[in-house]
Amino acid sequence: MSISTPGGPERRPTVVTTGKKPAAGRPASDAKAGAGKPQGGAGRSGGGKGPRKPIAPVKVSQGRSWGPIALFTAVGVLAVAIIGYGAWAAYNGSKPWEDRAADIAGIVNYREKDKELTSGGNHQQGPIKYDILPPVAGPHNAAWQNCMGDVYDAQIANEHAVHSLEHGAVWITYRPDLPADQVATLKSKVQGQEKMLLSPFEGLDKPISLQAWGYQLKVDNADDSRIDEFIKVLRVNASVEGPTANCADGITATGTTPRDGNQMPTQ
């Protein structure tokens, strides 16, 4: 049956079916509009704003290992110190002994102060008056005091000791009231050492006094490091008669009266 209209018979609209039912609650037109589109946001990020980007892994920064660094630093500092000390020691060792002696704090150089006194010593018999006590140079007895690391428990004659200085010995003297432990320390520096001798000395203005030919150093304590430096620099070097001058076969007796050449040494 047809319906007449002014424009001709009215036709029914043709309906094309896809064979799919529209989604529940959605108009068929919406279902058609959604056809061909990804369902459930497939291929899109959760917000439907495009494809997801890969998530970069999180890097965990590890702290530095300070142990090896500290070790290498310490080794480096030690190496520099050793090299520096070696250079310093080599430099000082190359200096003339007179310059090294001048570097000892408190030392008195009578070779500069009284060149006539220290130029050499004549042999004289009998007692000799010395202006510097303990004496460091000047005329002396023909016999020297034995200075092969000898330790004397009583005062010895200046006249013999000065002759030992002329041979390059270092003579250490100390006040008789010096504590026993300090005397023991001084003995340990002398015993068994050629061109060394030790004895007490009355009237010292300092507890300890060291003498070499033309040099003197006075200190308050046997542990003073300058004692070792004095010995190291001046023993043998300060000799007027050279390094081969004899220190054996000398006077071994104590007492302040000198023994003249016709008297044999006694114990």
C-alpha atoms as a PDB file:
ATOM      1  CA  MET A   1       0.000   0.000   0.000  1.00  0.00           C
ATOM      2  CA  SER A   2       1.295   3.424  -0.812  1.00  0.00           C
ATOM      3  CA  ILE A   3       0.598   6.812   0.615  1.00  0.00           C
ATOM      4  CA  SER A   4       0.200   9.634  -1.737  1.00  0.00           C
ATOM      5  CA  THR A   5       2.055  12.786  -1.000  1.00  0.00           C
ATOM      6  CA  PRO A   6       2.427  15.953  -2.916  1.00  0.00           C
ATOM      7  CA  GLY A   7       5.799  14.887  -4.055  1.00  0.00           C
ATOM      8  CA  GLY A   8       4.785  11.382  -4.977  1.00  0.00           C
ATOM      9  CA  PRO A   9       4.318   8.206  -3.146  1.00  0.00           C
ATOM     10  CA  GLU A  10       6.069   8.186   0.292  1.00  0.00           C
ATOM     11  CA  ARG A  11       8.721   5.568   0.738  1.00  0.00           C
ATOM     12  CA  ARG A  12       9.685   3.956   3.934  1.00  0.00           C
ATOM     13  CA  PRO A  13      13.265   4.574   5.037  1.00  0.00           C
ATOM     14  CA  THR A  14      15.566   1.720   4.342  1.00  0.00           C
ATOM     15  CA  VAL A  15      17.086   0.253   7.535  1.00  0.00           C
ATOM     16  CA  VAL A  16      20.454  -1.434   7.262  1.00  0.00           C
ATOM     17  CA  THR A  17      21.168  -3.914   9.979  1.00  0.00           C
ATOM     18  CA  THR A  18      24.652  -5.032  11.098  1.00  0.00           C
ATOM     19  CA  GLY A  19      23.506  -8.057  12.968  1.00  0.00           C
ATOM     20  CA  LYS A  20      24.716  -6.600  16.267  1.00  0.00           C
ATOM     21  CA  LYS A  21      22.526  -5.562  19.050  1.00  0.00           C
ATOM     22  CA  PRO A  22      23.025  -2.122  20.510  1.00  0.00           C
ATOM     23  CA  ALA A  23      24.730  -2.040  23.922  1.00  0.00           C
ATOM     24  CA  ALA A  24      22.387  -2.073  26.834  1.00  0.00           C
ATOM     25  CA  GLY A  25      21.351   1.376  27.864  1.00  0.00           C
ATOM     26  CA  ARG A  26      22.856   2.923  24.749  1.00  0.00           C
ATOM     27  CA  PRO A  27      20.924   4.090  21.774  1.00  0.00           C
ATOM     28  CA  ALA A  28      21.550   2.263  18.593  1.00  0.00           C
ATOM     29  CA  SER A  29      22.976   5.419  17.070  1.00  0.00           C
ATOM     30  CA  ASP A  30      25.642   5.545  19.838  1.00  0.00           C
ATOM     31  CA  ALA A  31      26.474   1.939  19.316  1.00  0.00           C
ATOM     32  CA  LYS A  32      26.941   2.612  15.634  1.00  0.00           C
ATOM     33  CA  ALA A  33      29.044   5.635  16.373  1.00  0.00           C
ATOM     34  CA  GLY A  34      31.304   3.510  18.573  1.00  0.00           C
ATOM     35  CA  ALA A  35      31.718   0.802  15.985  1.00  0.00           C
ATOM     36  CA  GLY A  36      35.277   0.515  14.685  1.00  0.00           C
ATOM     37  CA  LYS A  37      36.734   2.308  17.718  1.00  0.00           C
ATOM     38  CA  PRO A  38      38.946   0.562  20.335  1.00  0.00           C
ATOM     39  CA  GLN A  39      36.902  -0.703  23.176  1.00  0.00           C
ATOM     40  CA  GLY A  40      37.767  -0.152  26.830  1.00  0.00           C
ATOM     41  CA  GLY A  41      40.510   2.377  25.957  1.00  0.00           C
ATOM     42  CA  ALA A  42      42.713  -0.320  24.397  1.00  0.00           C
ATOM     43  CA  GLY A  43      45.971   1.204  23.153  1.00  0.00           C
ATOM     44  CA  ARG A  44      45.439   4.300  25.251  1.00  0.00           C
ATOM     45  CA  SER A  45      46.652   5.415  28.680  1.00  0.00           C
ATOM     46  CA  GLY A  46      44.348   5.226  31.640  1.00  0.00           C
ATOM     47  CA  GLY A  47      43.063   8.732  30.956  1.00  0.00           C
ATOM     48  CA  GLY A  48      42.410   7.946  27.355  1.00  0.00           C
ATOM     49  CA  LYS A  49      44.970  10.617  26.363  1.00  0.00           C
ATOM     50  CA  GLY A  50      47.211   8.550  24.086  1.00  0.00           C
ATOM     51  CA  PRO A  51      49.601   5.562  24.196  1.00  0.00           C
ATOM     52  CA  ARG A  52      51.519   4.934  27.406  1.00  0.00           C
ATOM     53  CA  LYS A  53      55.220   5.767  27.554  1.00  0.00           C
ATOM     54  CA  PRO A  54      57.629   3.152  28.926  1.00  0.00           C
ATOM     55  CA  ILE A  55      58.610   3.796  32.560  1.00  0.00           C
ATOM     56  CA  ALA A  56      62.340   4.450  32.951  1.00  0.00           C
ATOM     57  CA  PRO A  57      64.033   2.391  35.699  1.00  0.00           C
ATOM     58  CA  VAL A  58      64.931   4.303  38.834  1.00  0.00           C
ATOM     59  CA  LYS A  59      68.687   4.481  39.385  1.00  0.00           C
ATOM     60  CA  VAL A  60      69.798   4.133  42.987  1.00  0.00           C
ATOM     61  CA  SER A  61      72.871   6.243  43.708  1.00  0.00           C
ATOM     62  CA  GLN A  62      75.421   4.389  45.821  1.00  0.00           C
ATOM     63  CA  GLY A  63      77.631   6.349  48.254  1.00  0.00           C
ATOM     64  CA  ARG A  64      81.392   6.552  47.749  1.00  0.00           C
ATOM     65  CA  SER A  65      83.601   4.003  49.459  1.00  0.00           C
ATOM     66  CA  TRP A  66      85.592   6.288  51.757  1.00  0.00           C
ATOM     67  CA  GLY A  67      87.763   3.533  53.255  1.00  0.00           C
ATOM     68  CA  PRO A  68      90.058   3.014  50.238  1.00  0.00           C
ATOM     69  CA  ILE A  69      90.114   6.750  49.558  1.00  0.00           C
ATOM     70  CA  ALA A  70      91.277   7.489  53.108  1.00  0.00           C
ATOM     71  CA  LEU A  71      93.883   4.712  52.883  1.00  0.00           C
ATOM     72  CA  PHE A  72      95.317   5.990  49.608  1.00  0.00           C
ATOM     73  CA  THR A  73      95.366   9.532  50.964  1.00  0.00           C
ATOM     74  CA  ALA A  74      97.217   8.453  54.110  1.00  0.00           C
ATOM     75  CA  VAL A  75      99.751   6.473  52.060  1.00  0.00           C
ATOM     76  CA  GLY A  76     100.278   9.482  49.808  1.00  0.00           C
ATOM     77  CA  VAL A  77     100.832  11.828  52.736  1.00  0.00           C
ATOM     78  CA  LEU A  78     103.258   9.371  54.338  1.00  0.00           C
ATOM     79  CA  ALA A  79     105.205   8.997  51.098  1.00  0.00           C
ATOM     80  CA  VAL A  80     105.495  12.770  50.738  1.00  0.00           C
ATOM     81  CA  ALA A  81     106.645  13.057  54.365  1.00  0.00           C
ATOM     82  CA  ILE A  82     109.298  10.359  53.900  1.00  0.00           C
ATOM     83  CA  ILE A  83     110.589  11.953  50.719  1.00  0.00           C
ATOM     84  CA  GLY A  84     110.608  15.367  52.353  1.00  0.00           C
ATOM     85  CA  TYR A  85     112.460  14.113  55.424  1.00  0.00           C
ATOM     86  CA  GLY A  86     114.969  12.291  53.227  1.00  0.00           C
ATOM     87  CA  ALA A  87     115.641  15.468  51.284  1.00  0.00           C
ATOM     88  CA  TRP A  88     115.957  17.461  54.514  1.00  0.00           C
ATOM     89  CA  ALA A  89     118.331  14.876  56.038  1.00  0.00           C
ATOM     90  CA  ALA A  90     120.410  14.736  52.856  1.00  0.00           C
ATOM     91  CA  TYR A  91     120.654  18.509  52.817  1.00  0.00           C
ATOM     92  CA  ASN A  92     121.643  18.725  56.469  1.00  0.00           C
ATOM     93  CA  GLY A  93     124.048  15.839  56.124  1.00  0.00           C
ATOM     94  CA  SER A  94     125.803  17.689  53.323  1.00  0.00           C
ATOM     95  CA  LYS A  95     126.298  20.813  55.432  1.00  0.00           C
ATOM     96  CA  PRO A  96     129.722  21.327  57.044  1.00  0.00           C
ATOM     97  CA  TRP A  97     129.773  20.098  60.631  1.00  0.00           C
ATOM     98  CA  GLU A  98     130.540  23.631  61.830  1.00  0.00           C
ATOM     99  CA  ASP A  99     127.254  24.840  60.334  1.00  0.00           C
ATOM    100  CA  ARG A 100     125.370  21.933  61.906  1.00  0.00           C
ATOM    101  CA  ALA A 101     126.950  22.771  65.268  1.00  0.00           C
ATOM    102  CA  ALA A 102     125.817  26.371  64.904  1.00  0.00           C
ATOM    103  CA  ASP A 103     122.235  25.132  64.431  1.00  0.00           C
ATOM    104  CA  ILE A 104     122.160  23.576  67.922  1.00  0.00           C
ATOM    105  CA  ALA A 105     120.157  25.925  70.130  1.00  0.00           C
ATOM    106  CA  GLY A 106     122.103  27.256  73.108  1.00  0.00           C
ATOM    107  CA  ILE A 107     125.536  26.076  71.994  1.00  0.00           C
ATOM    108  CA  VAL A 108     128.470  28.391  72.726  1.00  0.00           C
ATOM    109  CA  ASN A 109     131.173  28.542  70.059  1.00  0.00           C
ATOM    110  CA  TYR A 110     134.410  29.531  71.781  1.00  0.00           C
ATOM    111  CA  ARG A 111     136.278  29.018  68.528  1.00  0.00           C
ATOM    112  CA  GLU A 112     134.714  32.273  67.417  1.00  0.00           C
ATOM    113  CA  LYS A 113     134.712  33.994  70.809  1.00  0.00           C
ATOM    114  CA  ASP A 114     138.334  33.200  71.727  1.00  0.00           C
ATOM    115  CA  LYS A 115     140.365  31.990  68.771  1.00  0.00           C
ATOM    116  CA  GLU A 116     143.627  32.150  70.702  1.00  0.00           C
ATOM    117  CA  LEU A 117     142.290  29.822  73.399  1.00  0.00           C
ATOM    118  CA  THR A 118     141.036  27.274  70.912  1.00  0.00           C
ATOM    119  CA  SER A 119     143.802  27.394  68.317  1.00  0.00           C
ATOM    120  CA  GLY A 120     145.693  24.643  70.094  1.00  0.00           C
ATOM    121  CA  GLY A 121     147.001  23.702  73.509  1.00  0.00           C
ATOM    122  CA  ASN A 122     150.502  23.540  74.919  1.00  0.00           C
ATOM    123  CA  HIS A 123     151.436  20.753  77.293  1.00  0.00           C
ATOM    124  CA  GLN A 124     152.011  21.948  80.843  1.00  0.00           C
ATOM    125  CA  GLN A 125     152.677  20.116  84.057  1.00  0.00           C
ATOM    126  CA  GLY A 126     150.904  20.825  87.315  1.00  0.00           C
ATOM    127  CA  PRO A 127     147.570  22.494  87.957  1.00  0.00           C
ATOM    128  CA  ILE A 128     146.289  24.919  85.309  1.00  0.00           C
ATOM    129  CA  LYS A 129     143.789  27.715  85.923  1.00  0.00           C
ATOM    130  CA  TYR A 130     140.917  27.807  83.453  1.00  0.00           C
ATOM    131  CA  ASP A 131     138.605  30.796  83.078  1.00  0.00           C
ATOM    132  CA  ILE A 132     135.854  28.680  81.518  1.00  0.00           C
ATOM    133  CA  LEU A 133     134.503  25.860  83.660  1.00  0.00           C
ATOM    134  CA  PRO A 134     134.268  23.115  82.734  1.00  0.00           C
ATOM    135  CA  PRO A 135     137.137  23.985  80.383  1.00  0.00           C
ATOM    136  CA  VAL A 136     136.719  23.608  76.626  1.00  0.00           C
ATOM    137  CA  ALA A 137     140.255  24.221  75.347  1.00  0.00           C
ATOM    138  CA  GLY A 138     143.642  25.674  76.224  1.00  0.00           C
ATOM    139  CA  PRO A 139     146.879  24.343  77.700  1.00  0.00           C
ATOM    140  CA  HIS A 140     146.648  20.874  79.243  1.00  0.00           C
ATOM    141  CA  ASN A 141     148.589  17.987  80.672  1.00  0.00           C
ATOM    142  CA  ALA A 142     150.633  15.775  78.391  1.00  0.00           C
ATOM    143  CA  ALA A 143     148.527  12.779  79.477  1.00  0.00           C
ATOM    144  CA  TRP A 144     144.913  12.573  78.384  1.00  0.00           C
ATOM    145  CA  GLN A 145     142.011  11.091  80.316  1.00  0.00           C
ATOM    146  CA  ASN A 146     140.958   7.728  78.944  1.00  0.00           C
ATOM    147  CA  CYS A 147     137.981   8.416  76.689  1.00  0.00           C
ATOM    148  CA  MET A 148     136.859   5.061  75.320  1.00  0.00           C
ATOM    149  CA  GLY A 149     133.323   5.377  76.659  1.00  0.00           C
ATOM    150  CA  ASP A 150     134.647   5.729  80.217  1.00  0.00           C
ATOM    151  CA  VAL A 151     132.253   6.596  83.041  1.00  0.00           C
ATOM    152  CA  TYR A 152     133.882   8.145  86.120  1.00  0.00           C
ATOM    153  CA  ASP A 153     131.993   8.237  89.405  1.00  0.00           C
ATOM    154  CA  ALA A 154     134.165  11.016  90.847  1.00  0.00           C
ATOM    155  CA  GLN A 155     135.523  14.278  89.473  1.00  0.00           C
ATOM    156  CA  ILE A 156     138.565  14.066  87.201  1.00  0.00           C
ATOM    157  CA  ALA A 157     141.426  16.511  86.549  1.00  0.00           C
ATOM    158  CA  ASN A 158     140.564  19.233  84.064  1.00  0.00           C
ATOM    159  CA  GLU A 159     144.078  19.116  82.656  1.00  0.00           C
ATOM    160  CA  HIS A 160     143.627  15.522  81.459  1.00  0.00           C
ATOM    161  CA  ALA A 161     140.063  16.034  80.250  1.00  0.00           C
ATOM    162  CA  VAL A 162     141.050  18.986  78.057  1.00  0.00           C
ATOM    163  CA  HIS A 163     143.687  16.823  76.378  1.00  0.00           C
ATOM    164  CA  SER A 164     140.907  14.306  75.605  1.00  0.00           C
ATOM    165  CA  LEU A 165     138.898  17.106  73.991  1.00  0.00           C
ATOM    166  CA  GLU A 166     141.887  17.896  71.792  1.00  0.00           C
ATOM    167  CA  HIS A 167     141.707  14.290  70.562  1.00  0.00           C
ATOM    168  CA  GLY A 168     138.078  14.738  69.503  1.00  0.00           C
ATOM    169  CA  ALA A 169     136.291  13.461  72.604  1.00  0.00           C
ATOM    170  CA  VAL A 170     132.990  14.770  73.971  1.00  0.00           C
ATOM    171  CA  TRP A 171     133.145  15.217  77.746  1.00  0.00           C
ATOM    172  CA  ILE A 172     129.809  15.186  79.567  1.00  0.00           C
ATOM    173  CA  THR A 173     129.736  16.568  83.090  1.00  0.00           C
ATOM    174  CA  TYR A 174     126.896  16.788  85.594  1.00  0.00           C
ATOM    175  CA  ARG A 175     126.186  18.144  89.050  1.00  0.00           C
ATOM    176  CA  PRO A 176     126.732  15.541  91.786  1.00  0.00           C
ATOM    177  CA  ASP A 177     123.104  15.981  92.941  1.00  0.00           C
ATOM    178  CA  LEU A 178     121.665  15.059  89.535  1.00  0.00           C
ATOM    179  CA  PRO A 179     118.925  12.426  90.049  1.00  0.00           C
ATOM    180  CA  ALA A 180     120.122   8.848  89.611  1.00  0.00           C
ATOM    181  CA  ASP A 181     117.793   8.121  86.690  1.00  0.00           C
ATOM    182  CA  GLN A 182     119.214  11.061  84.754  1.00  0.00           C
ATOM    183  CA  VAL A 183     122.761   9.951  85.502  1.00  0.00           C
ATOM    184  CA  ALA A 184     121.807   6.520  84.159  1.00  0.00           C
ATOM    185  CA  THR A 185     120.518   8.157  80.976  1.00  0.00           C
ATOM    186  CA  LEU A 186     123.814   9.965  80.505  1.00  0.00           C
ATOM    187  CA  LYS A 187     125.750   6.761  81.122  1.00  0.00           C
ATOM    188  CA  SER A 188     123.780   5.015  78.383  1.00  0.00           C
ATOM    189  CA  LYS A 189     124.948   7.674  75.928  1.00  0.00           C
ATOM    190  CA  VAL A 190     128.610   7.240  76.863  1.00  0.00           C
ATOM    191  CA  GLN A 191     129.360   3.624  77.752  1.00  0.00           C
ATOM    192  CA  GLY A 192     130.976   1.708  74.926  1.00  0.00           C
ATOM    193  CA  GLN A 193     131.357   4.798  72.724  1.00  0.00           C
ATOM    194  CA  GLU A 194     134.868   5.718  71.650  1.00  0.00           C
ATOM    195  CA  LYS A 195     135.846   9.357  72.227  1.00  0.00           C
ATOM    196  CA  MET A 196     133.278   9.803  74.991  1.00  0.00           C
ATOM    197  CA  LEU A 197     133.695  10.270  78.756  1.00  0.00           C
ATOM    198  CA  LEU A 198     131.424  11.161  81.660  1.00  0.00           C
ATOM    199  CA  SER A 199     132.146  12.542  85.137  1.00  0.00           C
ATOM    200  CA  PRO A 200     130.521  14.640  87.877  1.00  0.00           C
ATOM    201  CA  PHE A 201     131.618  18.267  88.260  1.00  0.00           C
ATOM    202  CA  GLU A 202     131.218  20.489  91.297  1.00  0.00           C
ATOM    203  CA  GLY A 203     129.793  23.996  90.960  1.00  0.00           C
ATOM    204  CA  LEU A 204     127.991  23.734  87.623  1.00  0.00           C
ATOM    205  CA  ASP A 205     125.477  26.533  87.004  1.00  0.00           C
ATOM    206  CA  LYS A 206     123.312  24.059  85.039  1.00  0.00           C
ATOM    207  CA  PRO A 207     122.595  20.413  85.871  1.00  0.00           C
ATOM    208  CA  ILE A 208     124.479  19.124  82.804  1.00  0.00           C
ATOM    209  CA  SER A 209     127.285  20.570  80.680  1.00  0.00           C
ATOM    210  CA  LEU A 210     128.764  19.108  77.487  1.00  0.00           C
ATOM    211  CA  GLN A 211     132.198  19.997  76.132  1.00  0.00           C
ATOM    212  CA  ALA A 212     134.002  19.441  72.844  1.00  0.00           C
ATOM    213  CA  TRP A 213     137.123  21.295  71.762  1.00  0.00           C
ATOM    214  CA  GLY A 214     135.957  24.920  71.542  1.00  0.00           C
ATOM    215  CA  TYR A 215     132.260  24.185  72.134  1.00  0.00           C
ATOM    216  CA  GLN A 216     129.983  23.994  75.159  1.00  0.00           C
ATOM    217  CA  LEU A 217     126.302  23.267  75.724  1.00  0.00           C
ATOM    218  CA  LYS A 218     124.492  23.408  79.062  1.00  0.00           C
ATOM    219  CA  VAL A 219     121.077  21.795  79.582  1.00  0.00           C
ATOM    220  CA  ASP A 220     118.650  21.108  82.426  1.00  0.00           C
ATOM    221  CA  ASN A 221     117.665  17.525  81.702  1.00  0.00           C
ATOM    222  CA  ALA A 222     119.337  14.339  80.471  1.00  0.00           C
ATOM    223  CA  ASP A 223     116.448  13.744  78.049  1.00  0.00           C
ATOM    224  CA  ASP A 224     117.170  16.966  76.152  1.00  0.00           C
ATOM    225  CA  SER A 225     117.454  15.998  72.474  1.00  0.00           C
ATOM    226  CA  ARG A 226     120.279  18.513  71.975  1.00  0.00           C
ATOM    227  CA  ILE A 227     122.613  16.204  73.877  1.00  0.00           C
ATOM    228  CA  ASP A 228     122.419  13.586  71.141  1.00  0.00           C
ATOM    229  CA  GLU A 229     122.808  16.243  68.463  1.00  0.00           C
ATOM    230  CA  PHE A 230     125.887  17.673  70.176  1.00  0.00           C
ATOM    231  CA  ILE A 231     127.466  14.220  70.329  1.00  0.00           C
ATOM    232  CA  LYS A 232     126.549  13.390  66.725  1.00  0.00           C
ATOM    233  CA  VAL A 233     127.980  16.593  65.291  1.00  0.00           C
ATOM    234  CA  LEU A 234     131.044  17.218  67.456  1.00  0.00           C
ATOM    235  CA  ARG A 235     132.417  13.838  68.483  1.00  0.00           C
ATOM    236  CA  VAL A 236     135.577  13.272  66.392  1.00  0.00           C
ATOM    237  CA  ASN A 237     134.785  16.307  64.178  1.00  0.00           C
ATOM    238  CA  ALA A 238     135.994  18.788  66.793  1.00  0.00           C
ATOM    239  CA  SER A 239     139.382  17.083  67.096  1.00  0.00           C
ATOM    240  CA  VAL A 240     142.409  19.332  66.703  1.00  0.00           C
ATOM    241  CA  GLU A 241     144.691  16.360  65.945  1.00  0.00           C
ATOM    242  CA  GLY A 242     142.461  14.543  63.466  1.00  0.00           C
ATOM    243  CA  PRO A 243     140.142  11.519  63.667  1.00  0.00           C
ATOM    244  CA  THR A 244     142.954   9.046  64.410  1.00  0.00           C
ATOM    245  CA  ALA A 245     144.001  10.744  67.658  1.00  0.00           C
ATOM    246  CA  ASN A 246     144.164   8.131  70.425  1.00  0.00           C
ATOM    247  CA  CYS A 247     141.637   7.935  73.241  1.00  0.00           C
ATOM    248  CA  ALA A 248     142.894   4.693  74.764  1.00  0.00           C
ATOM    249  CA  ASP A 249     145.911   4.244  77.068  1.00  0.00           C
ATOM    250  CA  GLY A 250     145.070   7.404  79.006  1.00  0.00           C
ATOM    251  CA  ILE A 251     144.657   8.288  82.666  1.00  0.00           C
ATOM    252  CA  THR A 252     141.934   6.253  84.324  1.00  0.00           C
ATOM    253  CA  ALA A 253     142.329   7.642  87.845  1.00  0.00           C
ATOM    254  CA  THR A 254     139.909  10.150  89.354  1.00  0.00           C
ATOM    255  CA  GLY A 255     140.780  13.240  91.404  1.00  0.00           C
ATOM    256  CA  THR A 256     141.264  16.880  90.491  1.00  0.00           C
ATOM    257  CA  THR A 257     145.055  16.916  90.798  1.00  0.00           C
ATOM    258  CA  PRO A 258     146.724  16.223  87.452  1.00  0.00           C
ATOM    259  CA  ARG A 259     149.213  13.371  87.108  1.00  0.00           C
ATOM    260  CA  ASP A 260     152.312  14.479  85.312  1.00  0.00           C
ATOM    261  CA  GLY A 261     153.903  12.501  82.516  1.00  0.00           C
ATOM    262  CA  ASN A 262     156.299  10.606  84.763  1.00  0.00           C
ATOM    263  CA  GLN A 263     153.381   9.070  86.669  1.00  0.00           C
ATOM    264  CA  MET A 264     151.875   5.879  85.239  1.00  0.00           C
ATOM    265  CA  PRO A 265     148.085   5.759  84.922  1.00  0.00           C
ATOM    266  CA  THR A 266     146.364   3.892  87.747  1.00  0.00           C
ATOM    267  CA  GLN A 267     142.880   2.508  88.125  1.00  0.00           C
END
